[in-house]
Protein backbone atom coordinates (compact mmCIF):
# COMPACT_ATOMS: atom_id res chain seq x y z
CA MET A 1 16.32 -12.30 -21.64
CA ALA A 2 14.93 -11.20 -24.98
CA GLY A 3 13.42 -7.74 -25.21
CA SER A 4 9.68 -7.17 -25.21
CA PRO A 5 8.37 -5.39 -28.31
CA TYR A 6 6.12 -3.28 -26.07
CA VAL A 7 8.71 -1.56 -23.92
CA PRO A 8 12.11 -0.62 -25.39
CA ASN A 9 14.99 -2.46 -23.72
CA ALA A 10 12.61 -4.22 -21.29
CA LYS A 11 13.11 -7.82 -20.25
CA LYS A 12 10.73 -10.43 -21.57
CA TYR A 13 9.69 -13.27 -19.27
CA ASP A 14 11.19 -16.66 -20.01
CA PRO A 15 10.80 -19.28 -17.25
CA LYS A 16 14.19 -20.75 -18.18
CA ASP A 17 15.85 -17.56 -16.91
CA PHE A 18 14.73 -18.18 -13.33
CA GLU A 19 15.83 -20.71 -10.77
CA ARG A 20 12.79 -22.17 -9.05
CA VAL A 21 12.61 -24.10 -5.79
CA ALA A 22 10.48 -26.95 -4.48
CA GLY A 23 6.99 -25.82 -3.48
CA GLU A 24 6.99 -22.66 -5.57
CA PRO A 25 3.95 -22.27 -7.85
CA ALA A 26 4.58 -23.53 -11.37
CA ASP A 27 4.07 -21.53 -14.55
CA PRO A 28 0.55 -22.37 -15.72
CA ASP A 29 -0.33 -24.01 -19.02
CA PRO A 30 -0.72 -21.12 -21.53
CA SER A 31 -4.04 -22.61 -22.68
CA SER A 32 -5.50 -22.28 -19.17
CA TRP A 33 -5.58 -18.47 -19.09
CA GLY A 34 -5.69 -15.41 -21.34
CA MET A 35 -8.23 -13.69 -23.56
CA GLN A 36 -11.54 -15.50 -23.97
CA PRO A 37 -13.91 -15.58 -26.97
CA ASP A 38 -16.28 -13.13 -25.28
CA GLY A 39 -13.52 -10.51 -24.93
CA SER A 40 -12.90 -11.06 -21.23
CA PHE A 41 -9.56 -11.96 -19.68
CA LEU A 42 -9.20 -15.15 -17.64
CA PRO A 43 -6.32 -14.71 -15.14
CA PRO A 44 -3.96 -17.57 -14.36
CA ALA A 45 -4.94 -19.71 -11.37
CA HIS A 46 -1.41 -19.46 -9.96
CA THR A 47 2.02 -18.20 -11.01
CA PRO A 48 5.48 -17.87 -9.50
CA SER A 49 6.78 -14.43 -8.60
CA VAL A 50 8.30 -12.49 -11.49
CA PRO A 51 10.31 -9.26 -11.00
CA ARG A 52 8.21 -6.21 -11.81
CA ASP A 53 10.59 -5.03 -14.54
CA VAL A 54 10.07 -8.25 -16.52
CA PHE A 55 7.20 -8.13 -19.03
CA VAL A 56 5.06 -11.13 -19.95
CA ASP A 57 3.84 -11.24 -23.55
CA TRP A 58 0.59 -13.05 -24.39
CA PRO A 59 -1.87 -13.00 -27.33
CA GLY A 60 -4.35 -10.14 -27.34
CA GLN A 61 -2.23 -7.47 -25.66
CA LEU A 62 -1.81 -4.07 -27.20
CA ASP A 63 1.48 -3.79 -29.07
CA TYR A 64 1.71 -0.02 -28.55
CA HIS A 65 1.52 2.48 -25.70
CA ASP A 66 -2.06 3.51 -25.16
CA THR A 67 -1.93 7.30 -24.84
CA GLU A 68 -5.70 7.74 -24.62
CA THR A 69 -7.49 9.07 -21.54
CA TYR A 70 -10.75 7.50 -20.38
CA ALA A 71 -13.18 9.14 -17.98
CA LEU A 72 -16.61 8.43 -16.55
CA ASN A 73 -18.18 10.82 -14.04
CA ALA A 74 -14.75 12.28 -13.33
CA THR A 75 -12.91 15.45 -14.38
CA PRO A 76 -9.19 16.25 -14.25
CA GLU A 77 -8.97 19.61 -12.50
CA ALA A 78 -5.21 19.87 -13.03
CA PHE A 79 -2.14 17.96 -14.21
CA TYR A 80 1.48 18.44 -13.15
CA PRO A 81 4.37 16.57 -14.85
CA ILE A 82 6.06 15.87 -11.50
CA VAL A 83 7.37 12.43 -10.49
CA VAL A 84 9.31 11.50 -7.36
CA ASN A 85 9.13 7.73 -7.91
CA THR A 86 7.52 5.73 -10.69
CA SER A 87 6.61 2.55 -8.80
CA HIS A 88 5.44 3.82 -5.40
CA SER A 89 5.24 7.10 -3.53
CA TRP A 90 3.81 8.39 -0.28
CA GLN A 91 2.00 11.62 0.51
CA CYS A 92 1.08 13.67 3.59
CA ILE A 93 -1.35 16.59 3.38
CA TYR A 94 -1.52 19.08 6.22
CA ASP A 95 -2.41 22.71 6.91
CA PHE A 96 0.26 25.04 8.28
CA ASP A 97 -0.19 28.80 8.86
CA GLY A 98 -3.15 29.05 6.49
CA ILE A 99 -1.57 27.06 3.67
CA ARG A 100 -2.40 23.49 2.62
CA TYR A 101 0.75 21.51 1.89
CA MET A 102 1.42 18.15 0.31
CA LEU A 103 4.62 16.34 1.21
CA HIS A 104 5.39 13.86 -1.57
CA TYR A 105 8.20 11.36 -1.35
CA GLY A 106 9.34 7.99 -2.64
CA GLY A 107 12.36 5.80 -3.06
CA GLY A 108 13.73 6.72 0.36
CA ASN A 109 15.98 9.56 -0.82
CA HIS A 110 13.72 12.08 -2.52
CA TRP A 111 11.00 14.40 -1.25
CA LYS A 112 9.11 17.42 -2.54
CA LEU A 113 6.83 19.84 -0.70
CA TYR A 114 3.96 21.47 -2.60
CA ASP A 115 1.58 24.32 -1.84
CA ILE A 116 -1.78 22.90 -2.94
CA THR A 117 -4.03 25.55 -1.38
CA ASP A 118 -5.26 26.12 -4.92
CA PRO A 119 -5.18 22.60 -6.40
CA ARG A 120 -5.26 24.09 -9.89
CA ALA A 121 -2.06 26.04 -9.23
CA LEU A 122 0.24 23.66 -7.36
CA SER A 123 3.69 25.05 -6.68
CA ILE A 124 6.87 23.40 -5.42
CA VAL A 125 7.87 25.00 -2.11
CA ASP A 126 10.91 22.89 -1.24
CA GLU A 127 12.59 19.66 -2.32
CA GLU A 128 15.63 17.51 -1.71
CA GLN A 129 17.21 14.45 -3.28
CA TRP A 130 20.36 12.69 -2.21
CA GLY A 131 22.43 9.87 -3.67
CA TRP A 132 22.12 6.24 -2.64
CA GLY A 133 25.55 6.33 -1.02
CA ASP A 134 24.65 9.33 1.14
CA PRO A 135 24.84 8.56 4.89
CA ARG A 136 21.49 10.21 5.59
CA PRO A 137 18.73 7.72 6.46
CA ASP A 138 15.97 6.93 4.01
CA PHE A 139 12.87 9.13 4.15
CA GLY A 140 10.44 6.46 5.36
CA ALA A 141 6.63 6.32 5.43
CA THR A 142 5.53 9.33 7.48
CA THR A 143 2.41 10.28 9.40
CA VAL A 144 1.84 13.97 10.19
CA GLN A 145 -0.75 15.00 12.78
CA PHE A 146 -1.42 18.05 14.96
CA ASN A 147 -0.81 17.34 18.64
CA GLU A 148 -3.22 19.43 20.71
CA LYS A 149 -1.26 18.92 23.93
CA LEU A 150 1.96 20.23 22.39
CA GLY A 151 0.22 22.76 20.19
CA LYS A 152 2.42 21.61 17.31
CA HIS A 153 2.46 19.21 14.42
CA VAL A 154 4.25 15.93 15.07
CA ALA A 155 5.68 13.65 12.38
CA ILE A 156 6.30 9.95 12.98
CA GLN A 157 8.46 8.24 10.39
CA ALA A 158 8.91 4.50 9.78
CA SER A 159 12.30 2.86 9.21
CA GLU A 160 12.71 -0.76 8.13
CA THR A 161 15.18 -3.22 6.69
CA PRO A 162 15.34 -3.59 2.88
CA ARG A 163 12.17 -5.32 1.75
CA TYR A 164 13.01 -6.42 -1.78
CA PHE A 165 16.43 -5.45 -3.05
CA LEU A 166 19.93 -6.20 -1.78
CA LYS A 167 22.96 -4.83 -3.60
CA GLY A 168 20.78 -3.71 -6.51
CA ARG A 169 19.04 -7.02 -7.20
CA VAL A 170 15.94 -8.81 -6.00
CA ALA A 171 16.73 -10.81 -2.88
CA ASN A 172 15.84 -14.51 -2.80
CA LYS A 173 16.65 -16.26 0.44
CA HIS A 174 15.58 -19.62 -1.03
CA ILE A 175 18.45 -19.74 -3.52
CA ASP A 176 20.97 -17.26 -2.07
CA ASP A 177 22.34 -18.17 1.35
CA THR A 178 23.86 -14.68 1.79
CA VAL A 179 20.47 -12.96 2.05
CA GLU A 180 19.83 -13.96 5.66
CA GLY A 181 23.17 -12.63 6.86
CA GLN A 182 22.84 -9.36 4.96
CA LEU A 183 19.42 -8.68 6.43
CA LYS A 184 20.33 -9.67 9.97
CA GLU A 185 23.43 -7.47 9.91
CA TRP A 186 21.75 -4.45 8.33
CA GLU A 187 22.91 -1.36 10.25
CA GLY A 188 20.03 1.10 9.91
CA LEU A 189 17.28 1.94 12.37
CA ARG A 190 14.65 -0.76 12.77
CA GLY A 191 11.82 1.24 14.26
CA PHE A 192 10.57 4.81 14.00
CA ARG A 193 11.58 8.43 14.47
CA THR A 194 9.48 11.19 16.03
CA TRP A 195 9.83 14.80 14.93
CA GLU A 196 8.58 18.15 16.15
CA MET A 197 7.55 20.22 13.14
CA ASN A 198 8.65 23.83 13.54
CA GLY A 199 7.67 24.54 9.96
CA PRO A 200 6.05 22.77 7.01
CA SER A 201 9.27 21.56 5.37
CA PRO A 202 11.30 18.58 6.66
CA ARG A 203 14.17 21.06 6.89
CA ASP A 204 12.23 22.71 9.73
CA TRP A 205 11.68 19.52 11.70
CA THR A 206 13.51 18.75 14.96
CA LEU A 207 14.27 15.11 15.72
CA LEU A 208 12.87 14.18 19.12
CA THR A 209 13.97 10.56 19.31
CA GLU A 210 14.72 7.32 17.49
CA VAL A 211 12.99 4.18 18.77
CA SER A 212 14.04 0.63 18.00
CA THR A 213 11.14 -1.82 17.81
CA ASP A 214 13.62 -4.47 19.00
CA PRO A 215 13.17 -4.24 22.79
CA ASN A 216 16.62 -5.70 23.43
CA HIS A 217 18.79 -3.52 21.18
CA GLY A 218 18.93 0.23 20.75
CA PRO A 219 19.27 2.36 17.60
CA ASP A 220 23.06 2.45 17.97
CA GLU A 221 23.34 -1.35 17.85
CA ILE A 222 22.60 -4.00 15.25
CA GLN A 223 18.94 -4.66 15.95
CA GLU A 224 16.72 -7.66 15.27
CA GLY A 225 13.47 -7.83 13.31
CA ASN A 226 12.41 -5.69 10.40
CA GLY A 227 11.54 -2.34 12.01
CA VAL A 228 8.30 -0.54 11.13
CA LEU A 229 6.57 -1.33 7.86
CA ASP A 230 4.90 1.46 5.96
CA LEU A 231 2.56 3.89 7.65
CA PRO A 232 2.61 4.49 11.44
CA VAL A 233 -0.97 4.79 12.75
CA TYR A 234 -1.12 7.96 14.85
CA TYR A 235 -4.01 10.39 15.21
CA GLY A 236 -2.17 13.12 17.12
CA ASP A 237 -3.09 12.07 20.63
CA LYS A 238 -1.79 9.33 22.95
CA TYR A 239 -1.42 6.08 21.02
CA LEU A 240 0.73 4.88 18.13
CA PHE A 241 0.27 1.55 16.35
CA VAL A 242 2.96 0.10 14.09
CA ALA A 243 3.41 -3.04 12.01
CA THR A 244 6.58 -4.82 13.10
CA ALA A 245 8.41 -8.07 13.72
CA PRO A 246 10.42 -7.07 16.81
CA ASP A 247 13.07 -9.80 16.81
CA ASN A 248 14.60 -12.62 14.80
CA SER A 249 12.17 -15.26 16.03
CA PHE A 250 9.41 -13.97 13.69
CA THR A 251 10.66 -16.05 10.79
CA ASN A 252 7.78 -18.25 9.60
CA GLN A 253 7.73 -16.24 6.38
CA PRO A 254 7.45 -17.96 2.96
CA TYR A 255 8.19 -14.80 0.94
CA LYS A 256 11.59 -14.93 -0.71
CA THR A 257 12.89 -11.38 -0.19
CA THR A 258 12.44 -10.96 3.57
CA LEU A 259 13.04 -13.02 6.70
CA TRP A 260 10.33 -11.72 9.00
CA ALA A 261 6.53 -11.86 9.29
CA ALA A 262 5.19 -8.83 11.12
CA GLY A 263 2.46 -8.39 13.69
CA HIS A 264 1.50 -5.17 15.45
CA ALA A 265 2.71 -3.14 18.43
CA ALA A 266 1.18 -0.29 20.42
CA TYR A 267 3.11 2.60 21.98
CA ASP A 268 2.19 5.43 24.32
CA VAL A 269 3.44 8.62 22.67
CA SER A 270 1.88 11.09 25.12
CA ASP A 271 5.40 12.45 25.17
CA PRO A 272 6.58 12.01 21.56
CA ALA A 273 10.17 12.29 22.79
CA LYS A 274 9.75 9.26 25.07
CA PRO A 275 7.52 6.59 23.46
CA GLU A 276 6.71 3.59 25.68
CA LEU A 277 5.95 0.12 24.34
CA LEU A 278 2.55 -1.07 25.61
CA SER A 279 1.87 -4.43 23.95
CA GLN A 280 2.50 -6.60 20.91
CA TRP A 281 0.35 -8.98 18.90
CA TRP A 282 1.13 -11.45 16.14
CA VAL A 283 -0.61 -14.31 14.38
CA PRO A 284 -0.11 -17.54 16.33
CA GLY A 285 2.37 -19.63 14.37
CA THR A 286 4.46 -16.69 13.17
CA ARG A 287 7.44 -17.21 15.47
CA ALA A 288 10.03 -19.97 15.20
CA GLY A 289 9.10 -22.75 17.60
CA GLU A 290 5.39 -21.94 17.56
CA GLU A 291 3.01 -24.51 16.16
CA ILE A 292 2.65 -23.48 12.51
CA ASP A 293 -0.62 -25.31 11.94
CA SER A 294 -2.48 -23.33 14.60
CA GLU A 295 -6.26 -23.31 14.80
CA TYR A 296 -6.30 -20.07 12.80
CA LEU A 297 -4.18 -21.45 9.98
CA ALA A 298 -5.26 -25.08 9.77
CA GLY A 299 -5.31 -26.21 6.16
CA ASN A 300 -3.44 -23.13 4.91
CA ASP A 301 -1.40 -24.56 2.04
CA ARG A 302 0.65 -21.38 1.63
CA TRP A 303 3.23 -22.31 4.28
CA ASN A 304 5.74 -23.82 1.86
CA ASN A 305 4.88 -22.10 -1.41
CA LYS A 306 7.93 -19.75 -1.25
CA THR A 307 5.69 -17.02 -2.67
CA SER A 308 3.01 -15.80 -0.24
CA TRP A 309 3.70 -12.81 1.98
CA PHE A 310 2.88 -13.59 5.61
CA GLY A 311 2.17 -10.89 8.17
CA SER A 312 1.26 -7.24 7.93
CA ARG A 313 2.53 -4.70 5.43
CA MET A 314 0.67 -1.77 6.98
CA GLY A 315 -0.39 -0.74 10.48
CA VAL A 316 -3.84 -1.65 11.80
CA PHE A 317 -6.78 0.02 10.06
CA MET A 318 -9.61 1.77 11.90
CA PRO A 319 -12.12 4.48 10.92
CA ARG A 320 -11.12 6.71 13.84
CA SER A 321 -8.87 6.67 16.85
CA VAL A 322 -8.94 4.56 19.99
CA GLU A 323 -8.89 7.82 21.94
CA SER A 324 -12.23 8.76 20.34
CA GLY A 325 -13.71 5.48 21.56
CA TYR A 326 -13.28 3.13 18.60
CA GLN A 327 -12.68 -0.43 19.81
CA TYR A 328 -11.44 -2.44 16.83
CA GLY A 329 -8.46 -2.48 14.52
CA TYR A 330 -8.57 -4.47 11.29
CA ALA A 331 -5.44 -6.29 10.20
CA ALA A 332 -4.71 -7.68 6.73
CA GLN A 333 -2.00 -10.25 7.42
CA GLY A 334 -1.25 -11.34 3.86
CA GLY A 335 -1.48 -15.10 3.44
CA GLN A 336 -2.29 -15.47 7.14
CA GLY A 337 -5.74 -13.97 6.58
CA PHE A 338 -7.85 -11.13 7.96
CA PHE A 339 -8.04 -10.43 11.70
CA VAL A 340 -10.26 -8.25 13.87
CA LEU A 341 -8.22 -6.94 16.80
CA ASP A 342 -9.54 -5.43 20.01
CA VAL A 343 -7.34 -2.38 20.48
CA SER A 344 -9.52 -0.54 23.00
CA ASP A 345 -6.88 -1.25 25.65
CA PRO A 346 -3.57 -0.74 23.85
CA THR A 347 -1.75 -2.47 26.72
CA ASN A 348 -3.48 -5.67 25.63
CA ILE A 349 -3.95 -5.92 21.87
CA HIS A 350 -5.71 -9.23 21.16
CA HIS A 351 -7.68 -10.66 18.30
CA VAL A 352 -11.34 -11.51 18.56
CA GLY A 353 -12.13 -12.64 15.01
CA TRP A 354 -10.47 -14.06 11.90
CA CYS A 355 -11.24 -15.39 8.44
CA HIS A 356 -9.27 -16.87 5.56
CA LEU A 357 -8.56 -14.77 2.48
CA PRO A 358 -8.80 -16.62 -0.84
CA VAL A 359 -5.48 -17.88 -2.19
CA SER A 360 -4.10 -15.58 -4.90
CA VAL A 361 -0.40 -16.08 -5.63
CA ALA A 362 1.78 -14.44 -6.80
CA GLY A 363 1.23 -10.83 -5.75
CA THR A 364 0.19 -9.63 -2.32
CA GLU A 365 -2.88 -11.33 -0.91
CA GLY A 366 -3.80 -9.05 2.00
CA ASP A 367 -2.44 -5.51 2.23
CA ASN A 368 -5.15 -2.83 2.54
CA VAL A 369 -8.34 -2.53 4.59
CA ASP A 370 -10.77 0.23 3.69
CA THR A 371 -12.76 1.18 6.81
CA THR A 372 -14.62 4.21 5.44
CA GLN A 373 -17.98 2.40 5.42
CA VAL A 374 -17.75 0.20 8.50
CA GLU A 375 -19.53 2.39 11.03
CA GLU A 376 -22.51 2.90 8.71
CA THR A 377 -22.74 -0.55 7.11
CA GLY A 378 -20.68 -3.05 9.10
CA TYR A 379 -18.52 -3.77 6.03
CA VAL A 380 -14.80 -3.36 5.44
CA TYR A 381 -13.09 -3.86 2.07
CA VAL A 382 -9.88 -5.89 1.97
CA SER A 383 -7.45 -6.23 -0.92
CA GLY A 384 -3.95 -7.20 -1.86
CA TYR A 385 -2.29 -5.89 -4.99
CA PRO A 386 -0.53 -7.22 -8.09
CA MET A 387 3.24 -7.67 -8.02
CA ASN A 388 3.83 -9.38 -11.39
CA THR A 389 3.50 -7.34 -14.56
CA ASP A 390 1.00 -7.89 -17.37
CA CYS A 391 -1.62 -9.66 -15.22
CA TYR A 392 0.58 -12.73 -14.99
CA GLU A 393 -0.92 -13.75 -11.66
CA PRO A 394 -4.36 -14.53 -10.21
CA ALA A 395 -6.77 -11.61 -10.11
CA LYS A 396 -6.39 -9.34 -7.13
CA GLU A 397 -9.93 -8.88 -5.83
CA ILE A 398 -11.43 -6.41 -3.37
CA TYR A 399 -13.30 -8.46 -0.78
CA GLN A 400 -16.31 -7.07 1.04
CA ILE A 401 -16.11 -8.46 4.59
CA ASP A 402 -18.96 -8.32 7.08
CA VAL A 403 -17.54 -7.40 10.51
CA SER A 404 -20.86 -6.54 12.14
CA ASP A 405 -20.10 -9.50 14.40
CA PRO A 406 -16.42 -8.85 15.11
CA THR A 407 -15.96 -12.40 16.39
CA ASN A 408 -17.08 -13.86 13.06
CA PRO A 409 -15.91 -11.79 10.07
CA ARG A 410 -17.17 -13.18 6.74
CA VAL A 411 -16.25 -12.53 3.10
CA VAL A 412 -19.63 -11.86 1.50
CA ARG A 413 -18.73 -10.74 -2.02
CA THR A 414 -16.09 -9.18 -4.27
CA LEU A 415 -16.34 -5.77 -5.88
CA PRO A 416 -16.89 -5.94 -9.66
CA ARG A 417 -13.94 -6.08 -12.03
CA PRO A 418 -13.54 -2.70 -13.78
CA VAL A 419 -13.98 -2.84 -17.55
CA PRO A 420 -12.99 -0.32 -20.23
CA PRO A 421 -15.57 1.68 -22.17
CA ALA A 422 -16.99 0.29 -25.39
CA THR A 423 -15.09 3.00 -27.31
CA ALA A 424 -11.69 1.62 -26.23
CA ALA A 425 -9.59 -0.41 -28.66
CA PHE A 426 -9.54 -3.32 -26.18
CA THR A 427 -12.09 -5.17 -24.09
CA ASP A 428 -10.22 -5.74 -20.83
CA TRP A 429 -7.82 -3.46 -18.95
CA ALA A 430 -5.36 -6.37 -18.82
CA GLN A 431 -4.67 -5.86 -22.53
CA ARG A 432 -3.30 -2.39 -21.80
CA ARG A 433 -0.14 -3.97 -20.33
CA GLY A 434 1.55 -3.20 -17.03
CA SER A 435 -0.03 -4.20 -13.73
CA PHE A 436 -3.80 -4.18 -13.29
CA GLY A 437 -5.59 -4.40 -9.98
CA PRO A 438 -6.23 -2.43 -6.79
CA LYS A 439 -3.35 -0.78 -4.97
CA ARG A 440 -4.85 1.13 -2.06
CA SER A 441 -7.85 3.37 -1.40
CA GLY A 442 -5.77 6.12 0.12
CA TYR A 443 -4.83 6.17 3.81
CA PHE A 444 -6.24 6.95 7.24
CA THR A 445 -4.46 10.31 6.87
CA ASN A 446 -6.79 11.29 4.02
CA THR A 447 -8.14 14.71 5.03
CA GLY A 448 -11.71 15.27 6.21
CA THR A 449 -14.57 12.81 6.73
CA PRO A 450 -15.17 10.08 4.13
CA HIS A 451 -18.34 10.42 2.05
CA GLY A 452 -20.73 7.54 2.59
CA GLY A 453 -20.95 5.01 -0.20
CA VAL A 454 -17.87 6.03 -2.22
CA ILE A 455 -14.54 4.18 -2.30
CA PRO A 456 -11.78 5.29 -4.72
CA TYR A 457 -8.85 2.98 -5.54
CA ALA A 458 -5.64 3.34 -7.50
CA PHE A 459 -5.81 0.57 -10.11
CA TYR A 460 -2.51 0.71 -12.02
CA ALA A 461 -3.30 0.36 -15.78
CA ALA A 462 -6.96 1.12 -15.02
CA GLY A 463 -6.05 4.44 -13.38
CA LEU A 464 -8.45 5.65 -10.71
CA GLN A 465 -11.55 3.52 -10.18
CA ILE A 466 -14.30 4.85 -7.90
CA PHE A 467 -16.72 2.29 -6.50
CA ASP A 468 -20.29 3.23 -5.63
CA VAL A 469 -21.27 1.13 -2.60
CA ARG A 470 -24.27 3.17 -1.49
CA ASP A 471 -26.18 -0.05 -1.90
CA PRO A 472 -23.63 -2.41 -0.34
CA GLU A 473 -25.54 -5.42 -1.67
CA ASP A 474 -25.05 -4.15 -5.24
CA PRO A 475 -21.64 -2.46 -5.54
CA LYS A 476 -20.65 -1.00 -8.91
CA VAL A 477 -18.04 1.19 -10.57
CA GLY A 478 -19.56 4.67 -10.37
CA ALA A 479 -16.74 6.70 -11.91
CA TYR A 480 -13.23 6.40 -13.24
CA PHE A 481 -10.38 8.48 -14.58
CA VAL A 482 -7.74 6.55 -16.52
CA PRO A 483 -4.82 8.61 -17.86
CA PRO A 484 -2.37 7.60 -20.60
CA MET A 485 -0.11 4.64 -19.92
CA GLY A 486 2.76 7.09 -20.13
CA LEU A 487 3.83 10.14 -22.07
CA LYS A 488 7.26 8.82 -23.07
CA GLU A 489 8.44 5.43 -24.29
CA ASP A 490 10.70 5.01 -21.28
CA ASP A 491 8.00 5.73 -18.66
CA ASP A 492 7.62 2.93 -16.12
CA MET A 493 4.88 0.85 -17.73
CA ALA A 494 4.76 -1.69 -14.89
CA ALA A 495 3.00 0.80 -12.58
CA PRO A 496 1.12 3.38 -14.70
CA VAL A 497 -0.88 4.66 -11.68
CA HIS A 498 0.54 3.61 -8.32
CA GLY A 499 -1.34 5.65 -5.73
CA ILE A 500 -4.08 8.06 -4.73
CA PHE A 501 -4.69 10.48 -1.85
CA VAL A 502 -8.22 11.63 -1.04
CA GLU A 503 -9.09 15.08 0.24
CA TRP A 504 -12.59 14.30 1.50
CA ASP A 505 -12.86 17.82 2.88
CA ARG A 506 -12.20 19.36 -0.55
CA ASN A 507 -13.87 16.71 -2.76
CA LEU A 508 -10.61 15.98 -4.56
CA ILE A 509 -8.65 12.86 -5.40
CA TRP A 510 -4.94 13.16 -6.17
CA LEU A 511 -3.70 10.53 -8.58
CA PHE A 512 0.02 9.64 -8.89
CA ALA A 513 1.09 8.27 -12.25
CA ASN A 514 4.34 7.32 -13.94
CA HIS A 515 4.30 10.66 -15.76
CA GLY A 516 2.88 13.10 -13.23
CA ILE A 517 0.17 14.10 -10.77
CA TYR A 518 -3.52 14.64 -11.48
CA ALA A 519 -6.13 16.35 -9.29
CA VAL A 520 -9.50 14.73 -10.08
CA SER A 521 -13.05 15.61 -9.10
CA THR A 522 -16.24 13.58 -9.39
CA PRO A 523 -19.93 14.34 -8.77
CA LEU A 524 -19.89 11.34 -6.42
CA LEU A 525 -17.93 13.54 -3.99
CA GLY A 526 -19.36 16.95 -4.89
CA GLU A 527 -17.96 20.22 -6.19
CA PRO A 528 -14.21 20.60 -5.61
CA VAL A 529 -13.09 23.17 -3.02
CA VAL A 530 -10.34 25.72 -3.66
CA GLY A 531 -8.53 27.13 -0.67
CA LEU A 532 -8.75 25.75 2.85
CA PRO A 533 -12.02 23.94 3.63
CA GLY A 534 -14.78 26.43 4.37
CA ALA A 535 -12.99 29.26 2.55
CA GLY A 536 -14.80 28.87 -0.77
CA SER A 537 -15.39 26.46 -3.62
CA ALA A 538 -14.73 26.28 -7.31
């Protein structure tokens, strides 16, 4: 592959370098997409998957790193040149003995613990990084909550099979017949771990148990299925919800790098040392031998496109816990669509409503559900996220879905496409290079109570975009903070801003970029708070 002039030593996309298979989306005619006379960008209607480290050159892109910062109604309160992973990282924020901590980790073998009690004076309290050959398990997606019954914090940590890479390269089961065997014989835990936290640092945690989500094989055996994907849903009380494919029958999965399509499972973790499986749910047609063209998926032309991700990537989404009386969980099942699940009885998870999500391949078509507005407005906001670089894929929209009738969810509109200010040297964020589109709006573990009418999203090249949905019939971008694309030439330009974490109780948004961490405030949230909530404000 020839190098891209934009990123030193980067690979430049050439379709001839990739082996394609029948059914996979074709590369579109170059004349059918790109910059338009009015300065807008028209995304391709469809594209094949392209590895994220491969850059796609097209007319109208910037030919330099944009080191400018753009802000509207937002202020950077602090910046720290700290990076644990350039493409994706996770965070937990919790209070322990009068100190507010952030646990920051990514890549499976690297974590840092910060004291963020004063967000303008973050300090590293502890950290650890180990080599890829180290026998210690990966540090998976972790939920930390205080368990009132135990009087202690409990951490629940996901563990899954490799999702993308095998032996250092992108897996592709459609052209490499060794992928299936490698994934089925993978020796790690497929499930979750529970920990008692005897201190704020992972060094202080005591392992309570390891649980395989394969009901027929334990942690000491080769298990089936893919384990637990991303963030376990646990509020500190009785119930745990996880995204999982529990055995090797869950294989109606078009996506090339994995075998399994995940549903959801509920566990009773009243005793975190002895979790008990309560029930499982999956989209009809997910398992081998089930009728693929079920009533929920009739006419879905994604089945054989070798590109769409089927099943969940995250646990179910809900604005508060089942224990507090909330009845529904919302599930973004990728190319299988959006489902409303009744989770009020965790021994019998079942779906009550469903709707298609518009086709948008490549990239991820259904990943995140924002539930911060649903109890006030009846709307949730559903999005996938870009996987190809340089906007070489259909636009990844944020869909506003009316769930006021849970049996009949309906996509009613999309949130507006963010645009750069008139002072920028470009007219569309796509020209800035790298990925552009929504990642996630934070997580259910965001601290405090969400502020009505405000939804922040990480937006890759467009930084942090904050949507004002106080009038849900007329949503708009109310604020943004867009940092430089990178501070060094070798910064990861594919994912300039890959995540956010919202402290609703301190009116702060943490932004995680390829070159460091920003703490951002906005009048849409209110004055930022320094110290523990209630102890004073800036």
